[in-house]
Amino acid sequence: MKKLMIVFCFIFLIGAFPFVASADTTCATKYPIVLSHGMGYTDTGKLGIGYWYNIPSTLTGHGAKVYQSNQTAMASTADRAAQLKTYVQQVLATTGAAKVNIIGHSQGGLDARWMISNLGMAPYVASLTTVASPNRGSSIADVLLGLDADVGGWISGLVTEIYLWMFGGQQNAKAGAKWLSVNFMTNTFNPETPNISGIYYQSWSSTMNFPPILDKVLFSVSWAILEWYEGSNDGLVSTWSAPWGTYRGNQGGSIFGGGVSHVNTCDQFLDFTPFFDAPGFYVSMVSDLKGKGY
């Protein structure tokens, strides 16, 4: 009888106080998530800071299967798209999944668009989300290309040498800028890169406020240039250029925190953006993809 009472009490305690919490499946999408990074850094940078900082671990903690591509920091979108294709194929082989969901920040979104439309990868992509991607180009690239031409190409040469020192590989700053220019995106890239039926395309933009404060000061000059040419922007990409497919809206944070800069939307600088929770933004985004069946 005594043993029976002990067993009964044990069962009661297990029911009242479960030892193992149920798994969080908020972001458990049907297909794995591939994060495609933008220009200027990689997911294995020499500084030891991941491009997406706390976003991958946060998504994983909510049940997502997350993979991070690692394209060349400075290169044409075509070259980076070929690298992304190889990486996506590796993810498909590793996971056994039929497709992936791609979330691309900045040029990373353009890499995915080119890969889908021009490299035969449409059957393997369920959705593409672009975050602050210059889908119609950025006047900053046009201005820099103009200045570079005026000084005989030494600006792009210097930037290329810096990135060769930082990351090695095949860095090409001039090609990277060309493929992001308004002229190239309008007259070449977009006409050659139509959306593919059956893939869900959605996009987000972000904006800084005036005067730029905190980390946004780093983008004060580029913000002013874009404000003149294109209107509201995040320091590198405008709200005119970012929308593509289903436009989901703008992340503007708060005027008291200076808004949301281009790099804040990939959780830089180091997860500190007052009034904007970058990891939480991605959790909401991926949860929505799950709800849509992706």
C-alpha atoms as a PDB file:
ATOM      1  CA  MET A   1       0.000   0.000   0.000  1.00  0.00           C
ATOM      2  CA  LYS A   2       2.860   2.334   0.879  1.00  0.00           C
ATOM      3  CA  LYS A   3       4.523   1.746  -2.500  1.00  0.00           C
ATOM      4  CA  LEU A   4       1.215   2.363  -4.250  1.00  0.00           C
ATOM      5  CA  MET A   5       0.841   5.725  -2.498  1.00  0.00           C
ATOM      6  CA  ILE A   6       4.366   6.724  -3.520  1.00  0.00           C
ATOM      7  CA  VAL A   7       3.662   5.882  -7.183  1.00  0.00           C
ATOM      8  CA  PHE A   8       0.374   7.805  -7.038  1.00  0.00           C
ATOM      9  CA  CYS A   9       2.068  10.893  -5.596  1.00  0.00           C
ATOM     10  CA  PHE A  10       4.807  10.703  -8.246  1.00  0.00           C
ATOM     11  CA  ILE A  11       2.266  10.565 -11.067  1.00  0.00           C
ATOM     12  CA  PHE A  12       0.359  13.487  -9.519  1.00  0.00           C
ATOM     13  CA  LEU A  13       3.496  15.624  -9.316  1.00  0.00           C
ATOM     14  CA  ILE A  14       4.400  14.886 -12.937  1.00  0.00           C
ATOM     15  CA  GLY A  15       0.945  16.002 -14.023  1.00  0.00           C
ATOM     16  CA  ALA A  16       1.030  19.124 -11.876  1.00  0.00           C
ATOM     17  CA  PHE A  17       4.648  20.122 -12.619  1.00  0.00           C
ATOM     18  CA  PRO A  18       5.872  18.835 -15.999  1.00  0.00           C
ATOM     19  CA  PHE A  19       9.629  18.439 -16.056  1.00  0.00           C
ATOM     20  CA  VAL A  20       9.927  19.017 -19.805  1.00  0.00           C
ATOM     21  CA  ALA A  21       8.317  22.073 -21.363  1.00  0.00           C
ATOM     22  CA  SER A  22       6.567  21.615 -24.685  1.00  0.00           C
ATOM     23  CA  ALA A  23       8.695  22.604 -27.695  1.00  0.00           C
ATOM     24  CA  ASP A  24       8.162  26.053 -29.200  1.00  0.00           C
ATOM     25  CA  THR A  25       6.909  25.650 -32.773  1.00  0.00           C
ATOM     26  CA  THR A  26       6.064  29.300 -33.476  1.00  0.00           C
ATOM     27  CA  CYS A  27       8.494  29.381 -36.436  1.00  0.00           C
ATOM     28  CA  ALA A  28       8.407  25.714 -37.445  1.00  0.00           C
ATOM     29  CA  THR A  29       7.800  26.327 -41.147  1.00  0.00           C
ATOM     30  CA  LYS A  30       7.127  23.531 -43.627  1.00  0.00           C
ATOM     31  CA  TYR A  31      10.337  24.376 -45.482  1.00  0.00           C
ATOM     32  CA  PRO A  32      13.701  25.408 -43.967  1.00  0.00           C
ATOM     33  CA  ILE A  33      14.735  29.068 -43.818  1.00  0.00           C
ATOM     34  CA  VAL A  34      17.777  30.288 -45.752  1.00  0.00           C
ATOM     35  CA  LEU A  35      19.091  33.708 -44.715  1.00  0.00           C
ATOM     36  CA  SER A  36      20.812  35.448 -47.638  1.00  0.00           C
ATOM     37  CA  HIS A  37      23.081  38.307 -46.505  1.00  0.00           C
ATOM     38  CA  GLY A  38      23.770  41.597 -48.226  1.00  0.00           C
ATOM     39  CA  MET A  39      26.830  43.421 -49.515  1.00  0.00           C
ATOM     40  CA  GLY A  40      29.819  44.371 -47.415  1.00  0.00           C
ATOM     41  CA  TYR A  41      30.067  41.479 -44.988  1.00  0.00           C
ATOM     42  CA  THR A  42      29.666  37.725 -44.761  1.00  0.00           C
ATOM     43  CA  ASP A  43      28.205  35.279 -42.278  1.00  0.00           C
ATOM     44  CA  THR A  44      31.702  34.267 -41.201  1.00  0.00           C
ATOM     45  CA  GLY A  45      33.321  37.682 -40.934  1.00  0.00           C
ATOM     46  CA  LYS A  46      36.790  38.168 -39.462  1.00  0.00           C
ATOM     47  CA  LEU A  47      35.396  40.318 -36.672  1.00  0.00           C
ATOM     48  CA  GLY A  48      33.672  37.265 -35.252  1.00  0.00           C
ATOM     49  CA  ILE A  49      30.243  38.903 -35.476  1.00  0.00           C
ATOM     50  CA  GLY A  50      27.601  37.156 -37.555  1.00  0.00           C
ATOM     51  CA  TYR A  51      25.822  39.233 -40.191  1.00  0.00           C
ATOM     52  CA  TRP A  52      22.430  38.413 -38.645  1.00  0.00           C
ATOM     53  CA  TYR A  53      23.669  38.545 -35.044  1.00  0.00           C
ATOM     54  CA  ASN A  54      20.879  37.193 -32.760  1.00  0.00           C
ATOM     55  CA  ILE A  55      18.289  36.513 -35.487  1.00  0.00           C
ATOM     56  CA  PRO A  56      19.305  32.913 -36.371  1.00  0.00           C
ATOM     57  CA  SER A  57      19.448  31.730 -32.750  1.00  0.00           C
ATOM     58  CA  THR A  58      16.136  33.418 -31.955  1.00  0.00           C
ATOM     59  CA  LEU A  59      14.395  31.772 -34.910  1.00  0.00           C
ATOM     60  CA  THR A  60      15.897  28.404 -34.022  1.00  0.00           C
ATOM     61  CA  GLY A  61      14.652  28.820 -30.465  1.00  0.00           C
ATOM     62  CA  HIS A  62      11.154  29.208 -31.881  1.00  0.00           C
ATOM     63  CA  GLY A  63      11.354  25.992 -33.877  1.00  0.00           C
ATOM     64  CA  ALA A  64      12.716  27.154 -37.234  1.00  0.00           C
ATOM     65  CA  LYS A  65      15.365  25.299 -39.217  1.00  0.00           C
ATOM     66  CA  VAL A  66      17.725  28.121 -40.170  1.00  0.00           C
ATOM     67  CA  TYR A  67      20.650  28.131 -42.585  1.00  0.00           C
ATOM     68  CA  GLN A  68      22.928  31.064 -43.444  1.00  0.00           C
ATOM     69  CA  SER A  69      24.445  31.516 -46.891  1.00  0.00           C
ATOM     70  CA  ASN A  70      27.901  32.993 -47.268  1.00  0.00           C
ATOM     71  CA  GLN A  71      28.243  34.870 -50.550  1.00  0.00           C
ATOM     72  CA  THR A  72      31.218  37.037 -51.476  1.00  0.00           C
ATOM     73  CA  ALA A  73      31.020  40.400 -49.711  1.00  0.00           C
ATOM     74  CA  MET A  74      31.743  42.529 -52.799  1.00  0.00           C
ATOM     75  CA  ALA A  75      30.648  41.067 -56.136  1.00  0.00           C
ATOM     76  CA  SER A  76      28.019  41.303 -58.842  1.00  0.00           C
ATOM     77  CA  THR A  77      24.582  39.957 -58.031  1.00  0.00           C
ATOM     78  CA  ALA A  78      25.021  37.302 -60.746  1.00  0.00           C
ATOM     79  CA  ASP A  79      28.188  35.958 -59.104  1.00  0.00           C
ATOM     80  CA  ARG A  80      26.638  35.999 -55.644  1.00  0.00           C
ATOM     81  CA  ALA A  81      23.478  34.323 -56.978  1.00  0.00           C
ATOM     82  CA  ALA A  82      25.544  31.432 -58.318  1.00  0.00           C
ATOM     83  CA  GLN A  83      27.060  30.985 -54.859  1.00  0.00           C
ATOM     84  CA  LEU A  84      23.616  31.121 -53.275  1.00  0.00           C
ATOM     85  CA  LYS A  85      22.394  28.440 -55.678  1.00  0.00           C
ATOM     86  CA  THR A  86      25.179  26.103 -54.581  1.00  0.00           C
ATOM     87  CA  TYR A  87      24.373  26.737 -50.960  1.00  0.00           C
ATOM     88  CA  VAL A  88      20.614  26.175 -51.376  1.00  0.00           C
ATOM     89  CA  GLN A  89      21.336  22.900 -53.160  1.00  0.00           C
ATOM     90  CA  GLN A  90      23.437  21.846 -50.164  1.00  0.00           C
ATOM     91  CA  VAL A  91      20.603  22.717 -47.780  1.00  0.00           C
ATOM     92  CA  LEU A  92      18.121  20.704 -49.840  1.00  0.00           C
ATOM     93  CA  ALA A  93      20.470  17.711 -49.896  1.00  0.00           C
ATOM     94  CA  THR A  94      21.152  17.950 -46.163  1.00  0.00           C
ATOM     95  CA  THR A  95      17.556  18.373 -45.034  1.00  0.00           C
ATOM     96  CA  GLY A  96      15.771  16.329 -47.687  1.00  0.00           C
ATOM     97  CA  ALA A  97      13.342  19.240 -48.074  1.00  0.00           C
ATOM     98  CA  ALA A  98      11.678  19.826 -51.430  1.00  0.00           C
ATOM     99  CA  LYS A  99      11.970  23.613 -51.187  1.00  0.00           C
ATOM    100  CA  VAL A 100      13.297  26.449 -49.031  1.00  0.00           C
ATOM    101  CA  ASN A 101      12.032  29.796 -47.808  1.00  0.00           C
ATOM    102  CA  ILE A 102      14.583  32.524 -48.511  1.00  0.00           C
ATOM    103  CA  ILE A 103      14.857  35.729 -46.499  1.00  0.00           C
ATOM    104  CA  GLY A 104      17.222  38.143 -48.196  1.00  0.00           C
ATOM    105  CA  HIS A 105      18.546  41.351 -46.692  1.00  0.00           C
ATOM    106  CA  SER A 106      19.668  44.105 -49.060  1.00  0.00           C
ATOM    107  CA  GLN A 107      21.636  42.621 -52.012  1.00  0.00           C
ATOM    108  CA  GLY A 108      20.908  39.176 -50.577  1.00  0.00           C
ATOM    109  CA  GLY A 109      17.321  39.576 -51.744  1.00  0.00           C
ATOM    110  CA  LEU A 110      18.491  40.428 -55.263  1.00  0.00           C
ATOM    111  CA  ASP A 111      20.800  37.402 -55.260  1.00  0.00           C
ATOM    112  CA  ALA A 112      17.764  35.235 -54.553  1.00  0.00           C
ATOM    113  CA  ARG A 113      15.641  36.900 -57.233  1.00  0.00           C
ATOM    114  CA  TRP A 114      18.352  36.350 -59.867  1.00  0.00           C
ATOM    115  CA  MET A 115      18.914  32.777 -58.724  1.00  0.00           C
ATOM    116  CA  ILE A 116      15.210  31.950 -58.921  1.00  0.00           C
ATOM    117  CA  SER A 117      14.537  33.519 -62.321  1.00  0.00           C
ATOM    118  CA  ASN A 118      17.814  32.902 -64.132  1.00  0.00           C
ATOM    119  CA  LEU A 119      19.573  29.909 -62.591  1.00  0.00           C
ATOM    120  CA  GLY A 120      16.849  27.276 -62.713  1.00  0.00           C
ATOM    121  CA  MET A 121      16.049  27.289 -58.998  1.00  0.00           C
ATOM    122  CA  ALA A 122      12.375  28.304 -59.136  1.00  0.00           C
ATOM    123  CA  PRO A 123      11.093  24.754 -58.437  1.00  0.00           C
ATOM    124  CA  TYR A 124      13.058  24.698 -55.181  1.00  0.00           C
ATOM    125  CA  VAL A 125      11.895  27.966 -53.614  1.00  0.00           C
ATOM    126  CA  ALA A 126       8.566  28.275 -51.800  1.00  0.00           C
ATOM    127  CA  SER A 127       8.840  31.943 -50.812  1.00  0.00           C
ATOM    128  CA  LEU A 128      11.173  34.910 -51.023  1.00  0.00           C
ATOM    129  CA  THR A 129      11.102  37.700 -48.471  1.00  0.00           C
ATOM    130  CA  THR A 130      13.243  40.745 -49.210  1.00  0.00           C
ATOM    131  CA  VAL A 131      14.117  43.096 -46.369  1.00  0.00           C
ATOM    132  CA  ALA A 132      15.425  46.549 -47.316  1.00  0.00           C
ATOM    133  CA  SER A 133      16.514  45.241 -50.715  1.00  0.00           C
ATOM    134  CA  PRO A 134      17.148  47.807 -53.491  1.00  0.00           C
ATOM    135  CA  ASN A 135      14.715  46.175 -55.897  1.00  0.00           C
ATOM    136  CA  ARG A 136      14.746  49.289 -58.071  1.00  0.00           C
ATOM    137  CA  GLY A 137      18.351  50.182 -57.299  1.00  0.00           C
ATOM    138  CA  SER A 138      19.915  52.736 -54.997  1.00  0.00           C
ATOM    139  CA  SER A 139      21.027  56.205 -56.041  1.00  0.00           C
ATOM    140  CA  ILE A 140      23.935  55.810 -53.624  1.00  0.00           C
ATOM    141  CA  ALA A 141      25.414  53.261 -56.042  1.00  0.00           C
ATOM    142  CA  ASP A 142      24.899  55.655 -58.971  1.00  0.00           C
ATOM    143  CA  VAL A 143      26.594  58.502 -57.099  1.00  0.00           C
ATOM    144  CA  LEU A 144      29.541  56.326 -56.065  1.00  0.00           C
ATOM    145  CA  LEU A 145      29.984  55.000 -59.594  1.00  0.00           C
ATOM    146  CA  GLY A 146      29.988  58.569 -60.907  1.00  0.00           C
ATOM    147  CA  LEU A 147      32.604  59.658 -58.370  1.00  0.00           C
ATOM    148  CA  ASP A 148      34.689  56.578 -59.100  1.00  0.00           C
ATOM    149  CA  ALA A 149      34.684  57.375 -62.815  1.00  0.00           C
ATOM    150  CA  ASP A 150      35.727  60.957 -62.090  1.00  0.00           C
ATOM    151  CA  VAL A 151      38.828  59.829 -60.187  1.00  0.00           C
ATOM    152  CA  GLY A 152      39.879  57.056 -62.531  1.00  0.00           C
ATOM    153  CA  GLY A 153      38.504  54.127 -60.556  1.00  0.00           C
ATOM    154  CA  TRP A 154      40.738  54.429 -57.509  1.00  0.00           C
ATOM    155  CA  ILE A 155      37.753  54.400 -55.093  1.00  0.00           C
ATOM    156  CA  SER A 156      36.469  51.021 -56.264  1.00  0.00           C
ATOM    157  CA  GLY A 157      40.055  49.766 -56.455  1.00  0.00           C
ATOM    158  CA  LEU A 158      40.757  50.768 -52.861  1.00  0.00           C
ATOM    159  CA  VAL A 159      37.516  49.233 -51.577  1.00  0.00           C
ATOM    160  CA  THR A 160      38.263  46.021 -53.465  1.00  0.00           C
ATOM    161  CA  GLU A 161      41.746  45.813 -51.934  1.00  0.00           C
ATOM    162  CA  ILE A 162      40.327  46.355 -48.439  1.00  0.00           C
ATOM    163  CA  TYR A 163      37.830  43.541 -48.898  1.00  0.00           C
ATOM    164  CA  LEU A 164      40.461  41.255 -50.373  1.00  0.00           C
ATOM    165  CA  TRP A 165      42.465  41.802 -47.188  1.00  0.00           C
ATOM    166  CA  MET A 166      39.420  41.257 -44.971  1.00  0.00           C
ATOM    167  CA  PHE A 167      37.814  38.257 -46.665  1.00  0.00           C
ATOM    168  CA  GLY A 168      39.988  37.044 -49.536  1.00  0.00           C
ATOM    169  CA  GLY A 169      38.204  35.450 -52.482  1.00  0.00           C
ATOM    170  CA  GLN A 170      37.120  37.283 -55.623  1.00  0.00           C
ATOM    171  CA  GLN A 171      36.098  40.741 -54.389  1.00  0.00           C
ATOM    172  CA  ASN A 172      34.903  43.340 -56.912  1.00  0.00           C
ATOM    173  CA  ALA A 173      33.494  46.567 -55.470  1.00  0.00           C
ATOM    174  CA  LYS A 174      32.806  48.182 -58.848  1.00  0.00           C
ATOM    175  CA  ALA A 175      30.752  45.224 -60.090  1.00  0.00           C
ATOM    176  CA  GLY A 176      28.840  45.175 -56.837  1.00  0.00           C
ATOM    177  CA  ALA A 177      27.947  48.858 -57.136  1.00  0.00           C
ATOM    178  CA  LYS A 178      27.027  48.560 -60.822  1.00  0.00           C
ATOM    179  CA  TRP A 179      24.512  45.801 -60.140  1.00  0.00           C
ATOM    180  CA  LEU A 180      22.832  47.937 -57.457  1.00  0.00           C
ATOM    181  CA  SER A 181      22.555  51.136 -59.490  1.00  0.00           C
ATOM    182  CA  VAL A 182      19.142  52.523 -60.424  1.00  0.00           C
ATOM    183  CA  ASN A 183      20.111  52.529 -64.085  1.00  0.00           C
ATOM    184  CA  PHE A 184      21.146  48.868 -64.138  1.00  0.00           C
ATOM    185  CA  MET A 185      18.249  47.648 -62.014  1.00  0.00           C
ATOM    186  CA  THR A 186      15.721  49.535 -64.135  1.00  0.00           C
ATOM    187  CA  ASN A 187      17.040  48.734 -67.591  1.00  0.00           C
ATOM    188  CA  THR A 188      18.696  45.326 -67.174  1.00  0.00           C
ATOM    189  CA  PHE A 189      18.077  43.452 -63.947  1.00  0.00           C
ATOM    190  CA  ASN A 190      14.319  43.812 -63.513  1.00  0.00           C
ATOM    191  CA  PRO A 191      13.408  43.182 -67.177  1.00  0.00           C
ATOM    192  CA  GLU A 192      15.535  40.012 -67.084  1.00  0.00           C
ATOM    193  CA  THR A 193      14.312  38.871 -63.655  1.00  0.00           C
ATOM    194  CA  PRO A 194      10.529  38.474 -63.621  1.00  0.00           C
ATOM    195  CA  ASN A 195       8.699  36.990 -60.654  1.00  0.00           C
ATOM    196  CA  ILE A 196       7.978  33.301 -61.108  1.00  0.00           C
ATOM    197  CA  SER A 197       4.424  32.013 -60.713  1.00  0.00           C
ATOM    198  CA  GLY A 198       3.932  29.744 -57.717  1.00  0.00           C
ATOM    199  CA  ILE A 199       6.507  31.501 -55.514  1.00  0.00           C
ATOM    200  CA  TYR A 200       5.321  33.860 -52.799  1.00  0.00           C
ATOM    201  CA  TYR A 201       7.201  37.165 -52.991  1.00  0.00           C
ATOM    202  CA  GLN A 202       6.946  39.680 -50.144  1.00  0.00           C
ATOM    203  CA  SER A 203       8.995  42.672 -49.040  1.00  0.00           C
ATOM    204  CA  TRP A 204       9.687  45.128 -46.238  1.00  0.00           C
ATOM    205  CA  SER A 205      11.363  48.521 -46.106  1.00  0.00           C
ATOM    206  CA  SER A 206      12.895  50.537 -43.264  1.00  0.00           C
ATOM    207  CA  THR A 207      13.447  54.224 -42.574  1.00  0.00           C
ATOM    208  CA  MET A 208      15.653  56.498 -40.503  1.00  0.00           C
ATOM    209  CA  ASN A 209      14.513  59.787 -39.021  1.00  0.00           C
ATOM    210  CA  PHE A 210      16.048  63.250 -39.083  1.00  0.00           C
ATOM    211  CA  PRO A 211      18.309  64.138 -37.424  1.00  0.00           C
ATOM    212  CA  PRO A 212      20.170  60.809 -37.481  1.00  0.00           C
ATOM    213  CA  ILE A 213      21.192  59.841 -33.945  1.00  0.00           C
ATOM    214  CA  LEU A 214      23.053  56.975 -32.282  1.00  0.00           C
ATOM    215  CA  ASP A 215      24.490  54.551 -34.879  1.00  0.00           C
ATOM    216  CA  LYS A 216      22.456  56.257 -37.629  1.00  0.00           C
ATOM    217  CA  VAL A 217      25.054  59.052 -37.731  1.00  0.00           C
ATOM    218  CA  LEU A 218      27.205  56.696 -39.822  1.00  0.00           C
ATOM    219  CA  PHE A 219      24.570  56.909 -42.558  1.00  0.00           C
ATOM    220  CA  SER A 220      23.850  60.643 -42.297  1.00  0.00           C
ATOM    221  CA  VAL A 221      25.455  61.589 -45.632  1.00  0.00           C
ATOM    222  CA  SER A 222      23.995  58.686 -47.619  1.00  0.00           C
ATOM    223  CA  TRP A 223      20.615  59.275 -45.957  1.00  0.00           C
ATOM    224  CA  ALA A 224      20.649  62.927 -47.112  1.00  0.00           C
ATOM    225  CA  ILE A 225      21.621  61.942 -50.671  1.00  0.00           C
ATOM    226  CA  LEU A 226      18.836  59.366 -50.899  1.00  0.00           C
ATOM    227  CA  GLU A 227      16.344  61.761 -49.339  1.00  0.00           C
ATOM    228  CA  TRP A 228      17.122  64.161 -52.182  1.00  0.00           C
ATOM    229  CA  TYR A 229      16.892  61.602 -54.990  1.00  0.00           C
ATOM    230  CA  GLU A 230      14.328  59.082 -53.755  1.00  0.00           C
ATOM    231  CA  GLY A 231      12.646  60.252 -50.556  1.00  0.00           C
ATOM    232  CA  SER A 232      12.356  58.419 -47.223  1.00  0.00           C
ATOM    233  CA  ASN A 233      15.051  55.808 -46.703  1.00  0.00           C
ATOM    234  CA  ASP A 234      17.158  53.838 -44.227  1.00  0.00           C
ATOM    235  CA  GLY A 235      20.503  55.288 -45.251  1.00  0.00           C
ATOM    236  CA  LEU A 236      21.085  52.995 -48.236  1.00  0.00           C
ATOM    237  CA  VAL A 237      17.692  51.902 -49.626  1.00  0.00           C
ATOM    238  CA  SER A 238      14.528  53.954 -50.037  1.00  0.00           C
ATOM    239  CA  THR A 239      10.884  53.119 -49.497  1.00  0.00           C
ATOM    240  CA  TRP A 240      10.486  53.683 -53.257  1.00  0.00           C
ATOM    241  CA  SER A 241      12.989  50.952 -54.106  1.00  0.00           C
ATOM    242  CA  ALA A 242      12.352  48.284 -51.464  1.00  0.00           C
ATOM    243  CA  PRO A 243       8.776  47.116 -52.236  1.00  0.00           C
ATOM    244  CA  TRP A 244       8.574  43.965 -54.361  1.00  0.00           C
ATOM    245  CA  GLY A 245       5.823  41.406 -54.657  1.00  0.00           C
ATOM    246  CA  THR A 246       3.450  41.797 -51.716  1.00  0.00           C
ATOM    247  CA  TYR A 247       4.666  44.867 -49.842  1.00  0.00           C
ATOM    248  CA  ARG A 248       4.204  44.176 -46.131  1.00  0.00           C
ATOM    249  CA  GLY A 249       5.125  47.617 -44.817  1.00  0.00           C
ATOM    250  CA  ASN A 250       7.863  49.745 -43.312  1.00  0.00           C
ATOM    251  CA  GLN A 251       9.890  49.363 -40.135  1.00  0.00           C
ATOM    252  CA  GLY A 252      10.402  52.851 -38.764  1.00  0.00           C
ATOM    253  CA  GLY A 253      10.989  52.255 -35.078  1.00  0.00           C
ATOM    254  CA  SER A 254      10.595  55.504 -33.182  1.00  0.00           C
ATOM    255  CA  ILE A 255      11.735  59.071 -33.752  1.00  0.00           C
ATOM    256  CA  PHE A 256      13.255  58.928 -30.273  1.00  0.00           C
ATOM    257  CA  GLY A 257      15.581  56.150 -31.387  1.00  0.00           C
ATOM    258  CA  GLY A 258      16.435  57.608 -34.767  1.00  0.00           C
ATOM    259  CA  GLY A 259      14.310  55.135 -36.677  1.00  0.00           C
ATOM    260  CA  VAL A 260      15.636  51.933 -38.234  1.00  0.00           C
ATOM    261  CA  SER A 261      18.768  52.092 -40.364  1.00  0.00           C
ATOM    262  CA  HIS A 262      19.705  49.709 -43.154  1.00  0.00           C
ATOM    263  CA  VAL A 263      21.858  47.564 -40.890  1.00  0.00           C
ATOM    264  CA  ASN A 264      19.415  47.610 -37.981  1.00  0.00           C
ATOM    265  CA  THR A 265      17.106  45.407 -40.063  1.00  0.00           C
ATOM    266  CA  CYS A 266      19.683  42.583 -39.885  1.00  0.00           C
ATOM    267  CA  ASP A 267      20.147  43.090 -36.115  1.00  0.00           C
ATOM    268  CA  GLN A 268      23.170  45.379 -36.224  1.00  0.00           C
ATOM    269  CA  PHE A 269      24.568  47.164 -34.354  1.00  0.00           C
ATOM    270  CA  LEU A 270      24.729  44.273 -31.926  1.00  0.00           C
ATOM    271  CA  ASP A 271      21.019  43.973 -31.235  1.00  0.00           C
ATOM    272  CA  PHE A 272      20.727  47.568 -29.952  1.00  0.00           C
ATOM    273  CA  THR A 273      18.064  49.541 -31.791  1.00  0.00           C
ATOM    274  CA  PRO A 274      15.778  51.490 -29.432  1.00  0.00           C
ATOM    275  CA  PHE A 275      12.084  50.848 -30.100  1.00  0.00           C
ATOM    276  CA  PHE A 276      12.838  48.171 -32.725  1.00  0.00           C
ATOM    277  CA  ASP A 277      13.183  44.476 -31.916  1.00  0.00           C
ATOM    278  CA  ALA A 278      14.933  42.934 -34.934  1.00  0.00           C
ATOM    279  CA  PRO A 279      14.813  39.281 -33.786  1.00  0.00           C
ATOM    280  CA  GLY A 280      11.154  39.735 -32.831  1.00  0.00           C
ATOM    281  CA  PHE A 281      10.456  41.191 -36.277  1.00  0.00           C
ATOM    282  CA  TYR A 282      11.856  38.060 -37.918  1.00  0.00           C
ATOM    283  CA  VAL A 283       9.958  35.775 -35.550  1.00  0.00           C
ATOM    284  CA  SER A 284       6.735  37.495 -36.613  1.00  0.00           C
ATOM    285  CA  MET A 285       7.752  37.233 -40.276  1.00  0.00           C
ATOM    286  CA  VAL A 286       8.572  33.517 -40.137  1.00  0.00           C
ATOM    287  CA  SER A 287       5.519  32.739 -38.018  1.00  0.00           C
ATOM    288  CA  ASP A 288       3.443  34.361 -40.739  1.00  0.00           C
ATOM    289  CA  LEU A 289       5.136  32.211 -43.384  1.00  0.00           C
ATOM    290  CA  LYS A 290       4.284  29.162 -41.308  1.00  0.00           C
ATOM    291  CA  GLY A 291       0.658  30.284 -41.131  1.00  0.00           C
ATOM    292  CA  LYS A 292       0.591  30.597 -44.927  1.00  0.00           C
ATOM    293  CA  GLY A 293       1.727  27.016 -45.281  1.00  0.00           C
ATOM    294  CA  TYR A 294       5.348  27.666 -46.265  1.00  0.00           C
END
